[in-house]
Structures are given as structure tokens and as C-alpha cells.
Protein backbone atom coordinates (compact mmCIF):
# COMPACT_ATOMS: atom_id res chain seq x y z
CA MET A 1 -74.43 -7.77 66.85
CA ARG A 2 -74.70 -11.40 65.49
CA HIS A 3 -77.38 -10.17 63.08
CA ARG A 4 -74.97 -7.61 61.52
CA LYS A 5 -72.56 -10.43 60.79
CA LEU A 6 -75.22 -12.42 58.95
CA LEU A 7 -76.58 -9.40 57.20
CA ALA A 8 -73.48 -8.22 55.60
CA PRO A 9 -72.95 -11.12 53.25
CA LEU A 10 -76.58 -10.89 52.11
CA LEU A 11 -76.32 -7.11 51.39
CA LEU A 12 -73.05 -7.77 49.36
CA CYS A 13 -74.86 -10.33 47.20
CA LEU A 14 -77.73 -7.88 46.61
CA ALA A 15 -75.44 -5.14 45.73
CA ALA A 16 -73.60 -7.31 43.31
CA ALA A 17 -76.76 -8.31 41.37
CA PRO A 18 -77.75 -6.31 38.40
CA ALA A 19 -80.36 -3.69 39.02
CA GLY A 20 -83.50 -3.14 36.87
CA ALA A 21 -85.92 -5.32 35.05
CA TRP A 22 -84.76 -7.52 32.29
CA ASP A 23 -86.91 -8.97 29.43
CA GLY A 24 -84.85 -12.05 29.57
CA PHE A 25 -81.82 -13.74 31.21
CA GLN A 26 -80.22 -17.03 30.23
CA THR A 27 -77.06 -18.87 31.12
CA ILE A 28 -75.43 -20.54 28.08
CA VAL A 29 -72.10 -21.21 26.45
CA PRO A 30 -72.08 -18.50 23.65
CA GLY A 31 -72.95 -20.00 20.28
CA MET A 32 -72.13 -18.62 16.80
CA VAL A 33 -71.02 -14.99 16.64
CA ASP A 34 -71.84 -12.59 13.76
CA VAL A 35 -69.98 -9.21 13.35
CA THR A 36 -71.22 -6.49 11.07
CA ALA A 37 -71.52 -2.68 10.98
CA GLY A 38 -71.53 -1.41 14.46
CA ASN A 39 -74.89 0.52 14.22
CA ASN A 40 -76.64 -2.51 12.71
CA MET A 41 -76.66 -4.86 15.73
CA GLY A 42 -72.98 -4.93 15.05
CA PHE A 43 -72.02 -7.83 17.40
CA ARG A 44 -74.56 -10.69 17.61
CA VAL A 45 -74.34 -13.79 19.86
CA TRP A 46 -76.67 -16.72 18.90
CA GLY A 47 -78.31 -18.49 21.70
CA PRO A 48 -79.54 -16.03 24.31
CA THR A 49 -83.33 -14.99 24.08
CA CYS A 50 -85.70 -12.39 25.50
CA ASN A 51 -88.15 -14.93 26.67
CA GLY A 52 -88.29 -16.71 23.40
CA SER A 53 -88.57 -13.63 21.14
CA ALA A 54 -85.34 -13.90 19.09
CA ASN A 55 -82.58 -16.52 19.05
CA PHE A 56 -79.74 -14.06 19.34
CA ALA A 57 -78.69 -10.96 21.44
CA TYR A 58 -76.80 -8.05 20.16
CA LEU A 59 -74.56 -5.13 21.12
CA LEU A 60 -74.01 -1.79 19.30
CA ASP A 61 -70.63 -0.24 18.90
CA THR A 62 -72.02 2.78 20.85
CA ASP A 63 -72.83 0.70 23.89
CA SER A 64 -71.00 1.65 27.07
CA ASN A 65 -68.17 -0.82 27.66
CA TYR A 66 -68.68 -2.47 24.24
CA SER A 67 -65.04 -3.62 23.94
CA THR A 68 -65.09 -5.37 27.38
CA TYR A 69 -68.51 -7.08 26.49
CA VAL A 70 -67.15 -8.37 23.34
CA ALA A 71 -63.80 -9.54 24.84
CA ALA A 72 -65.63 -11.30 27.71
CA ILE A 73 -68.06 -13.13 25.33
CA LEU A 74 -65.30 -14.25 22.97
CA MET A 75 -63.09 -15.41 25.83
CA ALA A 76 -65.95 -17.49 27.21
CA LYS A 77 -66.78 -18.90 23.88
CA ALA A 78 -63.11 -19.86 23.21
CA GLN A 79 -62.83 -21.52 26.74
CA GLY A 80 -66.33 -23.06 26.66
CA LEU A 81 -67.47 -21.10 29.70
CA SER A 82 -71.02 -20.25 30.29
CA VAL A 83 -72.23 -16.70 30.33
CA THR A 84 -75.43 -15.29 31.91
CA PHE A 85 -76.81 -12.83 29.55
CA TYR A 86 -79.36 -10.13 30.80
CA THR A 87 -81.19 -8.71 27.87
CA THR A 88 -83.92 -6.09 27.04
CA LYS A 89 -86.25 -6.34 24.08
CA ASP A 90 -85.87 -3.41 21.65
CA ALA A 91 -88.75 -1.75 19.62
CA SER A 92 -88.30 -4.39 16.95
CA GLY A 93 -88.41 -7.33 19.24
CA PHE A 94 -84.72 -8.15 19.25
CA CYS A 95 -82.65 -8.76 22.43
CA HIS A 96 -80.14 -6.02 23.37
CA ILE A 97 -77.50 -7.21 25.85
CA GLY A 98 -77.43 -4.93 28.99
CA TYR A 99 -75.46 -6.97 31.47
CA LEU A 100 -73.60 -10.20 31.60
CA THR A 101 -71.73 -12.54 33.92
CA VAL A 102 -69.07 -14.99 32.93
CA ASN A 103 -69.45 -18.20 35.05
């Protein structure tokens, strides 16, 4: 019985962690932000990398939950909060944001 009480918090932590393999993850206060055409890496945040391949990460306007990602990143930037960016490297070697956590 006691093991169940100890196991429940561990399982909850594991369920809350993002699934899948990421090419990079980094916790930083977001740096400079660029905004351009949505299909051209339309929202770019300078600072996160995919294990050193690029010095920015991006979102496309067609990404699921795009508006929420942008709002969370801009809020964190304005308040000086750190964000953990989980990124995947695209075919051109740039970092595409796939998951994030505001700390």
C-alpha cells in the first residue's frame, strides 16, 4: 500500500514531461524576437539552440497552438522569466520549437 503512495507522484511527474526525442532543450530568458511572414519561420526567438546548430528557434503560423506559444514566450520575455525550449532540427538545420515550459 505504501508503495502506491510513493509511486503516484513519480508517475504524475513522468506524465507531465514532454514525450519524444528532442534535438535540443535549453532553459533561457528569451532574447531578441523577430516576426516575419508566417510560413518563413514567422516567429523567431534568439537564444535557444539545437545542440549548437543555430542560435534561434522558430514557430510557423500553421503550428498547433501557435498563438499560445507566442503569448507565453512574449510574456516570459516581458517579465524576465526563463523558458525551457524543446526543439527539433528541421531539414535545413534550424530549430523548430515543439514544446516549452515557462519557469
